[in-house]
Amino acid sequence: MTTVIVLLILIFLVAIFSVQNAVPVSITFFFWRFEASLAIIVFLSAICGLIAGVIMAMLIRKKSKGQKEEKSQIQFPDPPANL
């Protein structure tokens, strides 16, 4: 629940920042050059970062879950009997 609240506050702050900085800016990426509102650029950058973070968290969680399952399937040999 706290994660949702923090996420909503962060989205709200990015939205306020975007609205207050709505001047057009020139964007150059390799051979492309275009103008867009700074608000749109900031918002899209935040969304891309959010998506990248979610994907990374899912991959890390999947990897750690796979390692836990692997460890639970490992069987150790019986200790040698004392003679």
Protein backbone atom coordinates (compact mmCIF):
# COMPACT_ATOMS: atom_id res chain seq x y z
CA MET A 1 0.00 0.00 0.00
CA THR A 2 2.82 2.41 0.77
CA THR A 3 4.33 1.66 -2.64
CA VAL A 4 1.12 2.77 -4.33
CA ILE A 5 1.01 5.99 -2.30
CA VAL A 6 4.66 6.80 -3.09
CA LEU A 7 4.05 6.05 -6.77
CA LEU A 8 1.00 8.34 -6.86
CA ILE A 9 2.94 11.15 -5.17
CA LEU A 10 5.78 10.73 -7.66
CA ILE A 11 3.38 10.82 -10.62
CA PHE A 12 1.74 13.92 -9.17
CA LEU A 13 5.12 15.67 -8.80
CA VAL A 14 6.15 14.77 -12.36
CA ALA A 15 2.81 16.08 -13.63
CA ILE A 16 3.26 19.40 -11.80
CA PHE A 17 6.85 19.72 -13.09
CA SER A 18 5.70 18.96 -16.62
CA VAL A 19 2.91 21.53 -16.60
CA GLN A 20 5.18 24.26 -15.23
CA ASN A 21 7.82 23.57 -17.89
CA ALA A 22 5.70 23.46 -21.03
CA VAL A 23 8.10 25.36 -23.31
CA PRO A 24 8.95 23.80 -26.67
CA VAL A 25 12.40 22.24 -26.90
CA SER A 26 14.41 20.86 -29.79
CA ILE A 27 15.22 17.14 -29.50
CA THR A 28 18.03 15.55 -31.51
CA PHE A 29 18.42 11.77 -31.51
CA PHE A 30 20.90 10.34 -34.00
CA PHE A 31 19.55 11.59 -37.35
CA TRP A 32 16.15 12.71 -36.08
CA ARG A 33 15.45 16.24 -35.00
CA PHE A 34 12.07 17.46 -33.82
CA GLU A 35 10.48 19.93 -31.45
CA ALA A 36 8.21 18.92 -28.62
CA SER A 37 6.94 20.33 -25.39
CA LEU A 38 9.30 19.86 -22.46
CA ALA A 39 6.30 18.62 -20.48
CA ILE A 40 5.77 15.76 -22.93
CA ILE A 41 9.48 14.88 -22.97
CA VAL A 42 9.70 14.79 -19.17
CA PHE A 43 6.49 12.78 -18.86
CA LEU A 44 7.52 10.24 -21.52
CA SER A 45 10.97 9.91 -19.95
CA ALA A 46 9.41 9.21 -16.56
CA ILE A 47 7.08 6.60 -18.09
CA CYS A 48 10.00 4.92 -19.89
CA GLY A 49 11.95 4.81 -16.64
CA LEU A 50 8.97 3.34 -14.82
CA ILE A 51 8.53 0.64 -17.46
CA ALA A 52 12.25 -0.18 -17.41
CA GLY A 53 12.19 -0.41 -13.60
CA VAL A 54 9.18 -2.72 -13.61
CA ILE A 55 10.78 -4.98 -16.22
CA MET A 56 14.04 -5.14 -14.25
CA ALA A 57 12.19 -5.91 -11.01
CA MET A 58 10.26 -8.70 -12.72
CA LEU A 59 13.44 -10.21 -14.17
CA ILE A 60 15.24 -10.07 -10.82
CA ARG A 61 12.25 -11.59 -9.03
CA LYS A 62 11.99 -14.35 -11.64
CA LYS A 63 15.71 -15.09 -11.36
CA SER A 64 15.66 -15.26 -7.56
CA LYS A 65 12.55 -17.47 -7.63
CA GLY A 66 14.30 -19.85 -10.04
CA GLN A 67 17.33 -20.04 -7.74
CA LYS A 68 15.13 -20.84 -4.73
CA GLU A 69 13.44 -23.67 -6.63
CA GLU A 70 16.84 -24.96 -7.72
CA LYS A 71 18.10 -25.01 -4.14
CA SER A 72 15.03 -26.88 -2.92
CA GLN A 73 15.60 -29.62 -5.53
CA ILE A 74 19.24 -30.23 -4.56
CA GLN A 75 19.63 -33.53 -2.72
CA PHE A 76 22.67 -34.11 -0.63
CA PRO A 77 24.17 -37.61 -0.38
CA ASP A 78 23.73 -39.56 2.83
CA PRO A 79 26.64 -39.24 5.23
CA PRO A 80 28.90 -42.28 5.40
CA ALA A 81 28.01 -44.79 8.10
CA ASN A 82 30.44 -45.05 11.01
CA LEU A 83 32.04 -48.46 11.24
